[in-house]
Amino acid sequence: MSKVIARIPFKYMGNELERGEVVELRGSARDEQLRGLGYFIAYDKNEHGEMVCDNCSKRFASDGFRLAHKKKLGGCLAPSSPISRAETAELLGVEEKKVKIED
């Protein structure tokens, strides 16, 4: 099986793939068609990274894709994961200086 990167969000063999997600092709009859249509690009470990979500273990081709996954509405932002003052302000819709972080 070969590793690929999903270029757009779509459903593959019962799984919802996200943009930038790294997966192994499972030998579906449509794999080559999906690759030809540009749904997948080849994964090259020398060219791409492989960042893992610490909550759900999905793998992504870059830290940017992993962070987008964690921040999306209904995503995998683990309750135990610490977030910065700026991220807290963004989530609450307030200015960063108004966020109070307790230790």
Protein backbone atom coordinates (compact mmCIF):
# COMPACT_ATOMS: atom_id res chain seq x y z
CA MET A 1 0.00 0.00 0.00
CA SER A 2 1.20 3.53 -0.69
CA LYS A 3 0.81 6.65 1.43
CA VAL A 4 -0.97 9.64 -0.08
CA ILE A 5 -2.15 13.08 1.01
CA ALA A 6 -5.78 14.12 0.64
CA ARG A 7 -5.93 17.40 -1.33
CA ILE A 8 -9.55 18.12 -0.46
CA PRO A 9 -11.98 16.85 2.20
CA PHE A 10 -13.93 13.81 0.99
CA LYS A 11 -15.11 10.35 2.03
CA TYR A 12 -12.77 7.43 1.26
CA MET A 13 -13.77 3.86 2.08
CA GLY A 14 -16.13 5.00 4.86
CA ASN A 15 -13.73 7.53 6.43
CA GLU A 16 -14.06 11.30 6.25
CA LEU A 17 -10.69 12.59 5.09
CA GLU A 18 -9.54 16.13 5.76
CA ARG A 19 -7.37 18.37 3.63
CA GLY A 20 -3.72 17.47 4.20
CA GLU A 21 -4.46 14.14 5.89
CA VAL A 22 -1.94 11.36 5.25
CA VAL A 23 -3.50 7.94 4.60
CA GLU A 24 -2.54 4.62 3.10
CA LEU A 25 -4.49 3.53 0.05
CA ARG A 26 -6.44 0.37 0.76
CA GLY A 27 -6.62 -1.05 -2.72
CA SER A 28 -10.02 0.30 -3.71
CA ALA A 29 -10.99 -0.17 -7.34
CA ARG A 30 -11.27 3.65 -7.56
CA ASP A 31 -7.83 4.52 -6.11
CA GLU A 32 -6.24 5.28 -9.46
CA GLN A 33 -9.28 7.25 -10.61
CA LEU A 34 -9.20 9.35 -7.43
CA ARG A 35 -5.47 9.93 -7.86
CA GLY A 36 -5.98 10.92 -11.50
CA LEU A 37 -8.72 13.39 -10.56
CA GLY A 38 -6.39 15.01 -8.02
CA TYR A 39 -8.08 13.91 -4.83
CA PHE A 40 -4.76 12.46 -3.65
CA ILE A 41 -1.15 13.42 -4.18
CA ALA A 42 1.76 11.12 -3.49
CA TYR A 43 3.31 11.31 -0.02
CA ASP A 44 7.09 11.67 0.04
CA LYS A 45 8.65 11.44 3.50
CA ASN A 46 11.62 13.53 2.32
CA GLU A 47 9.35 16.33 1.06
CA HIS A 48 6.46 16.25 3.54
CA GLY A 49 6.26 16.02 7.30
CA GLU A 50 3.94 13.75 9.20
CA MET A 51 2.32 15.42 12.18
CA VAL A 52 -0.03 13.41 14.40
CA CYS A 53 -3.07 14.81 16.19
CA ASP A 54 -2.53 14.14 19.90
CA ASN A 55 -6.24 13.56 20.41
CA CYS A 56 -7.44 11.32 17.56
CA SER A 57 -4.13 10.12 16.01
CA LYS A 58 -4.96 11.30 12.48
CA ARG A 59 -1.78 12.05 10.52
CA PHE A 60 -1.23 15.24 8.51
CA ALA A 61 1.36 16.35 5.94
CA SER A 62 2.28 19.51 7.88
CA ASP A 63 1.80 21.17 11.21
CA GLY A 64 -0.46 23.74 9.51
CA PHE A 65 -2.91 21.04 8.43
CA ARG A 66 -2.80 19.46 11.91
CA LEU A 67 -3.52 22.80 13.59
CA ALA A 68 -6.39 23.52 11.18
CA HIS A 69 -7.82 20.10 12.09
CA LYS A 70 -7.59 20.83 15.81
CA LYS A 71 -9.14 24.30 15.51
CA LYS A 72 -12.07 23.46 13.25
CA LEU A 73 -15.54 23.52 14.69
CA GLY A 74 -16.19 20.10 16.21
CA GLY A 75 -12.55 19.13 15.67
CA CYS A 76 -10.16 17.35 17.94
CA LEU A 77 -9.19 20.07 20.37
CA ALA A 78 -8.46 17.87 23.36
CA PRO A 79 -9.78 19.29 26.64
CA SER A 80 -6.44 18.52 28.29
CA SER A 81 -4.43 20.35 25.63
CA PRO A 82 -3.21 23.73 26.85
CA ILE A 83 -4.01 26.64 24.55
CA SER A 84 -2.42 30.07 24.44
CA ARG A 85 -3.89 33.38 25.54
CA ALA A 86 -4.29 34.40 21.87
CA GLU A 87 -6.14 31.16 20.99
CA THR A 88 -8.40 31.59 24.02
CA ALA A 89 -9.19 35.17 22.99
CA GLU A 90 -10.00 34.01 19.45
CA LEU A 91 -12.32 31.27 20.72
CA LEU A 92 -14.10 33.69 23.08
CA GLY A 93 -14.23 36.52 20.57
CA VAL A 94 -12.53 39.02 22.87
CA GLU A 95 -9.28 41.00 22.87
CA GLU A 96 -6.22 39.08 24.02
CA LYS A 97 -5.50 41.53 26.87
CA LYS A 98 -8.94 40.79 28.40
CA VAL A 99 -8.22 37.06 28.74
CA LYS A 100 -7.35 35.98 32.25
CA ILE A 101 -5.41 32.72 32.51
CA GLU A 102 -5.37 31.02 35.89
CA ASP A 103 -2.59 28.63 36.87
